[in-house]
Amino acid sequence: MPTITYDFLMAQCASDASHAYGERDSMLYGMAVGMGRDPFDTRELDFVYERRGKLRAVPSQAVTVARHNLIYDIGLDVPKMLHGEQRLTLHRQLPPAAEVLADHRVAGVYDKGAAKGLFIETDTRVRLKDGTPLYDLYNLYLARGDGGIGSPTTLENTAQPMPTRAPDLVRVTHTLPWHALLYRLTGDRNVIHADPDIARQMGFAGPILHGSGTLGIACREILAGVCDYEPARMRTVGTRFTSIVYPGDRIETEIWVDGNKARFRCRVPERNVVVLDHGECEIGSR
């Protein structure tokens, strides 16, 4: 493996990467974030059942569509890596099946020190095969086992303060003991989400749910509670991952609505932890 240096990480990129997904992928993702938990709710069936050609994709499925091993196969200590932030900008409604092209790049590297790890920002731009822009995706990762390489700048905290008033609505999701095993079938097969022994070696009580899976659950709750199940209304969604979710946890999604903006936060009340914070979502008109 090559030596991990700042210049090496900043040089990582991939252009015109081809990706494809189908209706089965969209239905699997919908179920993995909670769609169809009431199988008699026809609004939810549209995300998990291809009836009358009306299948829809949950907007946050975009984070699974154009996965690339940009920073996973280059020598970093992947089992120690944590997801810090994720932001999705949709240029149009995500179709339930498509072939796409993507440009991936490392956008920033910020070293915290030899014993503290380093932050890595990645940027992905996805378009349909005809060149039509589909979405942009920003990710921030903490590579806990790879600090000490040096970097010219430090990561700035740009998070806006959360509302201090009571949330406008609170929606509850009961995750399942096998939720991480289900969600990993959408593409992220990091062993920390499946292998109890490795999860314990990393300091956790057991396998943890993917951060993007928790974001998908929050997206599903905003889609249902604010957007009346209309995915075209969701223009952006992003959050900071602040703690872990164990499969089986009960998640409370607190939502504040102010015009075309929704702010959100996710809690696991039984463990008194905030698992997603500084969540923001731009909502389009009906």
C-alpha atoms as a PDB file:
ATOM      1  CA  MET A   1       0.000   0.000   0.000  1.00  0.00           C
ATOM      2  CA  PRO A   2       1.210   3.560  -0.671  1.00  0.00           C
ATOM      3  CA  THR A   3       2.193   5.861   2.192  1.00  0.00           C
ATOM      4  CA  ILE A   4      -0.718   8.013   3.358  1.00  0.00           C
ATOM      5  CA  THR A   5       0.248  11.656   2.890  1.00  0.00           C
ATOM      6  CA  TYR A   6      -1.726  14.862   2.498  1.00  0.00           C
ATOM      7  CA  ASP A   7      -0.852  15.166  -1.211  1.00  0.00           C
ATOM      8  CA  PHE A   8      -1.705  11.503  -1.821  1.00  0.00           C
ATOM      9  CA  LEU A   9      -5.161  11.905  -0.279  1.00  0.00           C
ATOM     10  CA  MET A  10      -5.889  15.170  -2.091  1.00  0.00           C
ATOM     11  CA  ALA A  11      -5.027  13.504  -5.422  1.00  0.00           C
ATOM     12  CA  GLN A  12      -7.748  10.859  -5.076  1.00  0.00           C
ATOM     13  CA  CYS A  13     -10.420  11.280  -7.757  1.00  0.00           C
ATOM     14  CA  ALA A  14     -12.445   9.331 -10.284  1.00  0.00           C
ATOM     15  CA  SER A  15     -14.218  10.760 -13.322  1.00  0.00           C
ATOM     16  CA  ASP A  16     -17.119   9.415 -15.381  1.00  0.00           C
ATOM     17  CA  ALA A  17     -17.638   6.468 -13.036  1.00  0.00           C
ATOM     18  CA  SER A  18     -20.623   4.451 -14.231  1.00  0.00           C
ATOM     19  CA  HIS A  19     -23.310   3.369 -11.766  1.00  0.00           C
ATOM     20  CA  ALA A  20     -26.762   1.862 -12.147  1.00  0.00           C
ATOM     21  CA  TYR A  21     -29.644   0.949  -9.850  1.00  0.00           C
ATOM     22  CA  GLY A  22     -33.065  -0.564 -10.410  1.00  0.00           C
ATOM     23  CA  GLU A  23     -36.539  -0.647  -8.936  1.00  0.00           C
ATOM     24  CA  ARG A  24     -35.584  -3.493  -6.600  1.00  0.00           C
ATOM     25  CA  ASP A  25     -32.834  -1.299  -5.115  1.00  0.00           C
ATOM     26  CA  SER A  26     -35.305   1.525  -4.561  1.00  0.00           C
ATOM     27  CA  MET A  27     -37.824  -0.750  -2.851  1.00  0.00           C
ATOM     28  CA  LEU A  28     -35.107  -2.289  -0.654  1.00  0.00           C
ATOM     29  CA  TYR A  29     -33.874   1.155   0.362  1.00  0.00           C
ATOM     30  CA  GLY A  30     -37.415   2.317   1.118  1.00  0.00           C
ATOM     31  CA  MET A  31     -37.948  -0.628   3.457  1.00  0.00           C
ATOM     32  CA  ALA A  32     -34.510  -0.107   5.079  1.00  0.00           C
ATOM     33  CA  VAL A  33     -35.480   3.433   6.161  1.00  0.00           C
ATOM     34  CA  GLY A  34     -38.991   2.534   7.315  1.00  0.00           C
ATOM     35  CA  MET A  35     -41.300   2.829   4.334  1.00  0.00           C
ATOM     36  CA  GLY A  36     -44.033   0.224   4.329  1.00  0.00           C
ATOM     37  CA  ARG A  37     -44.145  -0.206   8.089  1.00  0.00           C
ATOM     38  CA  ASP A  38     -47.880   0.312   7.642  1.00  0.00           C
ATOM     39  CA  PRO A  39     -48.506  -1.908   4.603  1.00  0.00           C
ATOM     40  CA  PHE A  40     -52.062  -0.585   4.302  1.00  0.00           C
ATOM     41  CA  ASP A  41     -50.921   3.026   3.867  1.00  0.00           C
ATOM     42  CA  THR A  42     -51.025   3.492   0.102  1.00  0.00           C
ATOM     43  CA  ARG A  43     -48.755   6.552   0.283  1.00  0.00           C
ATOM     44  CA  GLU A  44     -45.992   4.355   1.700  1.00  0.00           C
ATOM     45  CA  LEU A  45     -46.675   1.528  -0.717  1.00  0.00           C
ATOM     46  CA  ASP A  46     -45.569   3.824  -3.534  1.00  0.00           C
ATOM     47  CA  PHE A  47     -42.005   3.537  -2.166  1.00  0.00           C
ATOM     48  CA  VAL A  48     -41.927  -0.249  -1.722  1.00  0.00           C
ATOM     49  CA  TYR A  49     -44.350  -1.636  -4.325  1.00  0.00           C
ATOM     50  CA  GLU A  50     -44.260  -1.126  -8.090  1.00  0.00           C
ATOM     51  CA  ARG A  51     -48.041  -0.872  -8.419  1.00  0.00           C
ATOM     52  CA  ARG A  52     -49.408   0.738 -11.584  1.00  0.00           C
ATOM     53  CA  GLY A  53     -46.005   2.153 -12.462  1.00  0.00           C
ATOM     54  CA  LYS A  54     -46.127   4.592  -9.531  1.00  0.00           C
ATOM     55  CA  LEU A  55     -42.950   3.527  -7.744  1.00  0.00           C
ATOM     56  CA  ARG A  56     -41.083   6.408  -6.086  1.00  0.00           C
ATOM     57  CA  ALA A  57     -37.607   6.686  -4.584  1.00  0.00           C
ATOM     58  CA  VAL A  58     -36.916   8.162  -1.153  1.00  0.00           C
ATOM     59  CA  PRO A  59     -34.677  11.203  -1.914  1.00  0.00           C
ATOM     60  CA  SER A  60     -31.906  10.135   0.484  1.00  0.00           C
ATOM     61  CA  GLN A  61     -31.461   6.926  -1.515  1.00  0.00           C
ATOM     62  CA  ALA A  62     -29.142   9.066  -3.627  1.00  0.00           C
ATOM     63  CA  VAL A  63     -26.383   8.549  -1.036  1.00  0.00           C
ATOM     64  CA  THR A  64     -26.319   4.836  -1.971  1.00  0.00           C
ATOM     65  CA  VAL A  65     -26.553   5.152  -5.754  1.00  0.00           C
ATOM     66  CA  ALA A  66     -23.033   6.168  -6.764  1.00  0.00           C
ATOM     67  CA  ARG A  67     -20.846   4.551  -4.128  1.00  0.00           C
ATOM     68  CA  HIS A  68     -17.152   4.512  -4.924  1.00  0.00           C
ATOM     69  CA  ASN A  69     -14.155   3.086  -3.024  1.00  0.00           C
ATOM     70  CA  LEU A  70     -12.399   6.445  -3.377  1.00  0.00           C
ATOM     71  CA  ILE A  71     -10.866   6.371   0.114  1.00  0.00           C
ATOM     72  CA  TYR A  72     -11.609   2.789   1.167  1.00  0.00           C
ATOM     73  CA  ASP A  73      -8.973   0.818  -0.771  1.00  0.00           C
ATOM     74  CA  ILE A  74      -5.968   3.109  -0.410  1.00  0.00           C
ATOM     75  CA  GLY A  75      -4.497   2.005   2.918  1.00  0.00           C
ATOM     76  CA  LEU A  76      -6.587   3.876   5.489  1.00  0.00           C
ATOM     77  CA  ASP A  77      -7.693   2.031   8.640  1.00  0.00           C
ATOM     78  CA  VAL A  78     -11.271   1.606   7.429  1.00  0.00           C
ATOM     79  CA  PRO A  79     -12.739  -0.231  10.477  1.00  0.00           C
ATOM     80  CA  LYS A  80     -11.792   2.793  12.625  1.00  0.00           C
ATOM     81  CA  MET A  81     -13.313   5.288  10.183  1.00  0.00           C
ATOM     82  CA  LEU A  82     -16.476   7.152  11.230  1.00  0.00           C
ATOM     83  CA  HIS A  83     -18.938   9.181   9.179  1.00  0.00           C
ATOM     84  CA  GLY A  84     -19.027  12.797  10.382  1.00  0.00           C
ATOM     85  CA  GLU A  85     -21.376  14.704   8.072  1.00  0.00           C
ATOM     86  CA  GLN A  86     -23.408  14.205   4.925  1.00  0.00           C
ATOM     87  CA  ARG A  87     -25.177  16.734   2.684  1.00  0.00           C
ATOM     88  CA  LEU A  88     -27.258  15.952  -0.387  1.00  0.00           C
ATOM     89  CA  THR A  89     -28.387  18.507  -2.994  1.00  0.00           C
ATOM     90  CA  LEU A  90     -30.962  17.224  -5.481  1.00  0.00           C
ATOM     91  CA  HIS A  91     -31.221  18.947  -8.851  1.00  0.00           C
ATOM     92  CA  ARG A  92     -34.325  16.952  -9.769  1.00  0.00           C
ATOM     93  CA  GLN A  93     -36.414  14.143  -8.333  1.00  0.00           C
ATOM     94  CA  LEU A  94     -34.495  10.900  -7.991  1.00  0.00           C
ATOM     95  CA  PRO A  95     -35.954   8.326 -10.407  1.00  0.00           C
ATOM     96  CA  PRO A  96     -36.708   4.810  -9.110  1.00  0.00           C
ATOM     97  CA  ALA A  97     -34.225   3.344 -11.605  1.00  0.00           C
ATOM     98  CA  ALA A  98     -31.455   4.932 -13.668  1.00  0.00           C
ATOM     99  CA  GLU A  99     -27.993   4.663 -15.164  1.00  0.00           C
ATOM    100  CA  VAL A 100     -25.749   7.518 -14.044  1.00  0.00           C
ATOM    101  CA  LEU A 101     -22.225   8.888 -14.347  1.00  0.00           C
ATOM    102  CA  ALA A 102     -20.366  10.368 -11.389  1.00  0.00           C
ATOM    103  CA  ASP A 103     -17.279  12.433 -10.688  1.00  0.00           C
ATOM    104  CA  HIS A 104     -15.740  11.758  -7.265  1.00  0.00           C
ATOM    105  CA  ARG A 105     -12.905  13.643  -5.552  1.00  0.00           C
ATOM    106  CA  VAL A 106     -11.320  14.293  -2.189  1.00  0.00           C
ATOM    107  CA  ALA A 107     -12.139  17.937  -1.497  1.00  0.00           C
ATOM    108  CA  GLY A 108     -10.257  18.477   1.762  1.00  0.00           C
ATOM    109  CA  VAL A 109      -7.975  16.829   4.330  1.00  0.00           C
ATOM    110  CA  TYR A 110      -7.604  18.178   7.859  1.00  0.00           C
ATOM    111  CA  ASP A 111      -5.159  16.477  10.238  1.00  0.00           C
ATOM    112  CA  LYS A 112      -6.000  16.467  13.964  1.00  0.00           C
ATOM    113  CA  GLY A 113      -2.768  14.843  15.099  1.00  0.00           C
ATOM    114  CA  ALA A 114      -1.131  11.425  15.378  1.00  0.00           C
ATOM    115  CA  ALA A 115      -3.378  10.209  18.208  1.00  0.00           C
ATOM    116  CA  LYS A 116      -6.550  11.962  17.013  1.00  0.00           C
ATOM    117  CA  GLY A 117      -7.036  11.034  13.364  1.00  0.00           C
ATOM    118  CA  LEU A 118      -7.847  13.201  10.368  1.00  0.00           C
ATOM    119  CA  PHE A 119     -10.917  14.535   8.613  1.00  0.00           C
ATOM    120  CA  ILE A 120     -11.462  13.791   4.920  1.00  0.00           C
ATOM    121  CA  GLU A 121     -14.034  15.651   2.793  1.00  0.00           C
ATOM    122  CA  THR A 122     -15.304  14.059  -0.402  1.00  0.00           C
ATOM    123  CA  ASP A 123     -17.431  15.573  -3.153  1.00  0.00           C
ATOM    124  CA  THR A 124     -19.517  13.621  -5.663  1.00  0.00           C
ATOM    125  CA  ARG A 125     -21.352  15.077  -8.689  1.00  0.00           C
ATOM    126  CA  VAL A 126     -23.858  12.744 -10.330  1.00  0.00           C
ATOM    127  CA  ARG A 127     -25.581  13.134 -13.688  1.00  0.00           C
ATOM    128  CA  LEU A 128     -27.847  11.046 -15.859  1.00  0.00           C
ATOM    129  CA  LYS A 129     -26.227   9.382 -18.854  1.00  0.00           C
ATOM    130  CA  ASP A 130     -27.474  12.180 -21.108  1.00  0.00           C
ATOM    131  CA  GLY A 131     -25.569  14.700 -18.990  1.00  0.00           C
ATOM    132  CA  THR A 132     -28.550  16.038 -17.021  1.00  0.00           C
ATOM    133  CA  PRO A 133     -27.391  16.941 -13.459  1.00  0.00           C
ATOM    134  CA  LEU A 134     -29.077  14.713 -10.872  1.00  0.00           C
ATOM    135  CA  TYR A 135     -27.504  15.452  -7.484  1.00  0.00           C
ATOM    136  CA  ASP A 136     -24.375  16.504  -5.567  1.00  0.00           C
ATOM    137  CA  LEU A 137     -23.187  14.749  -2.411  1.00  0.00           C
ATOM    138  CA  TYR A 138     -20.774  15.963   0.280  1.00  0.00           C
ATOM    139  CA  ASN A 139     -19.341  13.615   2.909  1.00  0.00           C
ATOM    140  CA  LEU A 140     -17.063  14.213   5.861  1.00  0.00           C
ATOM    141  CA  TYR A 141     -15.229  11.259   7.410  1.00  0.00           C
ATOM    142  CA  LEU A 142     -13.054  10.939  10.503  1.00  0.00           C
ATOM    143  CA  ALA A 143     -10.219   8.487   9.881  1.00  0.00           C
ATOM    144  CA  ARG A 144      -9.468   7.817  13.552  1.00  0.00           C
ATOM    145  CA  GLY A 145      -6.444   5.602  12.914  1.00  0.00           C
ATOM    146  CA  ASP A 146      -4.621   7.753  10.351  1.00  0.00           C
ATOM    147  CA  GLY A 147      -3.669  11.084  11.938  1.00  0.00           C
ATOM    148  CA  GLY A 148      -0.242  12.658  12.000  1.00  0.00           C
ATOM    149  CA  ILE A 149       0.275  13.294   8.277  1.00  0.00           C
ATOM    150  CA  GLY A 150      -0.012  17.088   8.532  1.00  0.00           C
ATOM    151  CA  SER A 151      -2.274  19.495   6.651  1.00  0.00           C
ATOM    152  CA  PRO A 152      -2.109  23.212   5.783  1.00  0.00           C
ATOM    153  CA  THR A 153      -5.497  24.138   7.283  1.00  0.00           C
ATOM    154  CA  THR A 154      -7.936  23.058   9.985  1.00  0.00           C
ATOM    155  CA  LEU A 155     -11.596  22.193   9.544  1.00  0.00           C
ATOM    156  CA  GLU A 156     -13.925  25.099  10.345  1.00  0.00           C
ATOM    157  CA  ASN A 157     -17.173  24.644  12.266  1.00  0.00           C
ATOM    158  CA  THR A 158     -19.898  26.068  10.007  1.00  0.00           C
ATOM    159  CA  ALA A 159     -22.924  24.534  11.763  1.00  0.00           C
ATOM    160  CA  GLN A 160     -25.767  26.944  12.473  1.00  0.00           C
ATOM    161  CA  PRO A 161     -27.341  26.972  15.971  1.00  0.00           C
ATOM    162  CA  MET A 162     -30.414  24.793  16.350  1.00  0.00           C
ATOM    163  CA  PRO A 163     -33.786  26.356  17.265  1.00  0.00           C
ATOM    164  CA  THR A 164     -34.373  26.852  20.979  1.00  0.00           C
ATOM    165  CA  ARG A 165     -38.170  26.568  20.818  1.00  0.00           C
ATOM    166  CA  ALA A 166     -40.018  23.269  21.123  1.00  0.00           C
ATOM    167  CA  PRO A 167     -40.066  21.281  17.872  1.00  0.00           C
ATOM    168  CA  ASP A 168     -43.091  21.641  15.605  1.00  0.00           C
ATOM    169  CA  LEU A 169     -43.410  17.878  15.405  1.00  0.00           C
ATOM    170  CA  VAL A 170     -41.707  14.777  16.783  1.00  0.00           C
ATOM    171  CA  ARG A 171     -41.840  11.526  14.869  1.00  0.00           C
ATOM    172  CA  VAL A 172     -40.804   8.145  16.276  1.00  0.00           C
ATOM    173  CA  THR A 173     -39.045   5.276  14.508  1.00  0.00           C
ATOM    174  CA  HIS A 174     -38.518   1.903  16.172  1.00  0.00           C
ATOM    175  CA  THR A 175     -35.450   0.361  14.568  1.00  0.00           C
ATOM    176  CA  LEU A 176     -35.166  -3.414  14.498  1.00  0.00           C
ATOM    177  CA  PRO A 177     -32.431  -5.691  15.907  1.00  0.00           C
ATOM    178  CA  TRP A 178     -31.404  -6.652  12.377  1.00  0.00           C
ATOM    179  CA  HIS A 179     -31.716  -3.135  10.917  1.00  0.00           C
ATOM    180  CA  ALA A 180     -27.993  -2.718  10.151  1.00  0.00           C
ATOM    181  CA  LEU A 181     -27.946  -6.095   8.380  1.00  0.00           C
ATOM    182  CA  LEU A 182     -30.804  -4.884   6.188  1.00  0.00           C
ATOM    183  CA  TYR A 183     -29.397  -1.428   5.488  1.00  0.00           C
ATOM    184  CA  ARG A 184     -25.943  -2.765   4.543  1.00  0.00           C
ATOM    185  CA  LEU A 185     -27.606  -4.498   1.569  1.00  0.00           C
ATOM    186  CA  THR A 186     -28.062  -1.026   0.052  1.00  0.00           C
ATOM    187  CA  GLY A 187     -24.313  -0.943  -0.546  1.00  0.00           C
ATOM    188  CA  ASP A 188     -22.186  -0.096   2.515  1.00  0.00           C
ATOM    189  CA  ARG A 189     -20.822  -3.422   3.794  1.00  0.00           C
ATOM    190  CA  ASN A 190     -18.349  -2.091   6.348  1.00  0.00           C
ATOM    191  CA  VAL A 191     -17.917  -4.983   8.791  1.00  0.00           C
ATOM    192  CA  ILE A 192     -18.564  -2.759  11.816  1.00  0.00           C
ATOM    193  CA  HIS A 193     -22.263  -2.896  10.888  1.00  0.00           C
ATOM    194  CA  ALA A 194     -22.423  -6.688  10.912  1.00  0.00           C
ATOM    195  CA  ASP A 195     -19.641  -8.360  12.876  1.00  0.00           C
ATOM    196  CA  PRO A 196     -20.117  -8.257  16.685  1.00  0.00           C
ATOM    197  CA  ASP A 197     -16.484  -9.149  17.421  1.00  0.00           C
ATOM    198  CA  ILE A 198     -15.048  -6.387  15.224  1.00  0.00           C
ATOM    199  CA  ALA A 199     -17.595  -3.858  16.558  1.00  0.00           C
ATOM    200  CA  ARG A 200     -16.508  -4.668  20.124  1.00  0.00           C
ATOM    201  CA  GLN A 201     -12.833  -4.346  19.142  1.00  0.00           C
ATOM    202  CA  MET A 202     -13.680  -0.821  17.958  1.00  0.00           C
ATOM    203  CA  GLY A 203     -15.174   0.018  21.366  1.00  0.00           C
ATOM    204  CA  PHE A 204     -18.878  -0.500  20.651  1.00  0.00           C
ATOM    205  CA  ALA A 205     -21.304  -2.795  22.437  1.00  0.00           C
ATOM    206  CA  GLY A 206     -22.139  -4.446  19.112  1.00  0.00           C
ATOM    207  CA  PRO A 207     -22.733  -3.664  15.424  1.00  0.00           C
ATOM    208  CA  ILE A 208     -23.949  -0.116  14.808  1.00  0.00           C
ATOM    209  CA  LEU A 209     -26.405   1.275  12.287  1.00  0.00           C
ATOM    210  CA  HIS A 210     -24.898   3.227   9.411  1.00  0.00           C
ATOM    211  CA  GLY A 211     -24.944   6.991   9.875  1.00  0.00           C
ATOM    212  CA  SER A 212     -26.454   7.333   6.409  1.00  0.00           C
ATOM    213  CA  GLY A 213     -29.120   4.841   7.491  1.00  0.00           C
ATOM    214  CA  THR A 214     -30.072   7.112  10.385  1.00  0.00           C
ATOM    215  CA  LEU A 215     -30.159  10.068   7.971  1.00  0.00           C
ATOM    216  CA  GLY A 216     -32.435   8.003   5.712  1.00  0.00           C
ATOM    217  CA  ILE A 217     -34.797   7.426   8.634  1.00  0.00           C
ATOM    218  CA  ALA A 218     -34.860  11.178   9.342  1.00  0.00           C
ATOM    219  CA  CYS A 219     -35.471  11.875   5.645  1.00  0.00           C
ATOM    220  CA  ARG A 220     -38.372   9.411   5.675  1.00  0.00           C
ATOM    221  CA  GLU A 221     -39.895  11.192   8.693  1.00  0.00           C
ATOM    222  CA  ILE A 222     -39.569  14.631   7.056  1.00  0.00           C
ATOM    223  CA  LEU A 223     -40.964  13.244   3.809  1.00  0.00           C
ATOM    224  CA  ALA A 224     -43.983  11.873   5.676  1.00  0.00           C
ATOM    225  CA  GLY A 225     -44.457  14.621   8.250  1.00  0.00           C
ATOM    226  CA  VAL A 226     -43.639  17.757   6.241  1.00  0.00           C
ATOM    227  CA  CYS A 227     -43.697  16.915   2.523  1.00  0.00           C
ATOM    228  CA  ASP A 228     -46.905  14.812   2.463  1.00  0.00           C
ATOM    229  CA  TYR A 229     -44.905  11.960   0.863  1.00  0.00           C
ATOM    230  CA  GLU A 230     -44.010  14.097  -2.197  1.00  0.00           C
ATOM    231  CA  PRO A 231     -40.293  13.397  -2.850  1.00  0.00           C
ATOM    232  CA  ALA A 232     -40.025  16.151  -5.475  1.00  0.00           C
ATOM    233  CA  ARG A 233     -40.455  18.727  -2.683  1.00  0.00           C
ATOM    234  CA  MET A 234     -37.228  17.718  -0.952  1.00  0.00           C
ATOM    235  CA  ARG A 235     -34.406  19.787  -2.462  1.00  0.00           C
ATOM    236  CA  THR A 236     -31.589  19.358   0.056  1.00  0.00           C
ATOM    237  CA  VAL A 237     -30.979  17.303   3.185  1.00  0.00           C
ATOM    238  CA  GLY A 238     -27.913  17.136   5.387  1.00  0.00           C
ATOM    239  CA  THR A 239     -26.812  16.525   8.938  1.00  0.00           C
ATOM    240  CA  ARG A 240     -23.951  16.002  11.371  1.00  0.00           C
ATOM    241  CA  PHE A 241     -23.537  12.503  12.853  1.00  0.00           C
ATOM    242  CA  THR A 242     -22.975  13.011  16.579  1.00  0.00           C
ATOM    243  CA  SER A 243     -23.450   9.569  18.119  1.00  0.00           C
ATOM    244  CA  ILE A 244     -24.197   5.987  17.182  1.00  0.00           C
ATOM    245  CA  VAL A 245     -27.463   4.109  16.799  1.00  0.00           C
ATOM    246  CA  TYR A 246     -27.636   0.475  17.827  1.00  0.00           C
ATOM    247  CA  PRO A 247     -30.123  -1.662  15.907  1.00  0.00           C
ATOM    248  CA  GLY A 248     -33.202  -1.873  18.117  1.00  0.00           C
ATOM    249  CA  ASP A 249     -32.939   1.736  19.345  1.00  0.00           C
ATOM    250  CA  ARG A 250     -36.009   3.977  19.306  1.00  0.00           C
ATOM    251  CA  ILE A 251     -35.267   7.180  17.397  1.00  0.00           C
ATOM    252  CA  GLU A 252     -37.169  10.415  17.970  1.00  0.00           C
ATOM    253  CA  THR A 253     -36.864  12.865  15.064  1.00  0.00           C
ATOM    254  CA  GLU A 254     -37.518  16.437  16.203  1.00  0.00           C
ATOM    255  CA  ILE A 255     -38.492  18.756  13.340  1.00  0.00           C
ATOM    256  CA  TRP A 256     -38.742  22.551  13.205  1.00  0.00           C
ATOM    257  CA  VAL A 257     -40.409  24.076  10.117  1.00  0.00           C
ATOM    258  CA  ASP A 258     -39.736  27.676   9.109  1.00  0.00           C
ATOM    259  CA  GLY A 259     -41.030  28.552   5.638  1.00  0.00           C
ATOM    260  CA  ASN A 260     -39.205  26.438   3.095  1.00  0.00           C
ATOM    261  CA  LYS A 261     -36.643  25.218   5.635  1.00  0.00           C
ATOM    262  CA  ALA A 262     -36.885  22.300   8.022  1.00  0.00           C
ATOM    263  CA  ARG A 263     -34.337  21.800  10.777  1.00  0.00           C
ATOM    264  CA  PHE A 264     -34.104  18.433  12.483  1.00  0.00           C
ATOM    265  CA  ARG A 265     -32.385  16.487  15.221  1.00  0.00           C
ATOM    266  CA  CYS A 266     -32.566  12.790  16.082  1.00  0.00           C
ATOM    267  CA  ARG A 267     -32.383  11.424  19.625  1.00  0.00           C
ATOM    268  CA  VAL A 268     -32.292   8.018  21.246  1.00  0.00           C
ATOM    269  CA  PRO A 269     -34.141   8.908  24.476  1.00  0.00           C
ATOM    270  CA  GLU A 270     -33.465   5.618  26.287  1.00  0.00           C
ATOM    271  CA  ARG A 271     -29.720   6.313  26.118  1.00  0.00           C
ATOM    272  CA  ASN A 272     -30.150  10.117  26.336  1.00  0.00           C
ATOM    273  CA  VAL A 273     -28.004  10.774  23.250  1.00  0.00           C
ATOM    274  CA  VAL A 274     -28.373  12.992  20.189  1.00  0.00           C
ATOM    275  CA  VAL A 275     -27.406  10.876  17.180  1.00  0.00           C
ATOM    276  CA  LEU A 276     -28.017  13.433  14.400  1.00  0.00           C
ATOM    277  CA  ASP A 277     -27.682  17.164  14.972  1.00  0.00           C
ATOM    278  CA  HIS A 278     -27.759  20.386  12.980  1.00  0.00           C
ATOM    279  CA  GLY A 279     -29.969  18.725  10.371  1.00  0.00           C
ATOM    280  CA  GLU A 280     -31.204  20.958   7.552  1.00  0.00           C
ATOM    281  CA  CYS A 281     -33.650  20.313   4.739  1.00  0.00           C
ATOM    282  CA  GLU A 282     -34.874  22.657   2.014  1.00  0.00           C
ATOM    283  CA  ILE A 283     -38.503  22.056   1.088  1.00  0.00           C
ATOM    284  CA  GLY A 284     -40.030  23.075  -2.255  1.00  0.00           C
ATOM    285  CA  SER A 285     -43.622  24.216  -2.728  1.00  0.00           C
ATOM    286  CA  ARG A 286     -46.396  21.814  -3.646  1.00  0.00           C
END
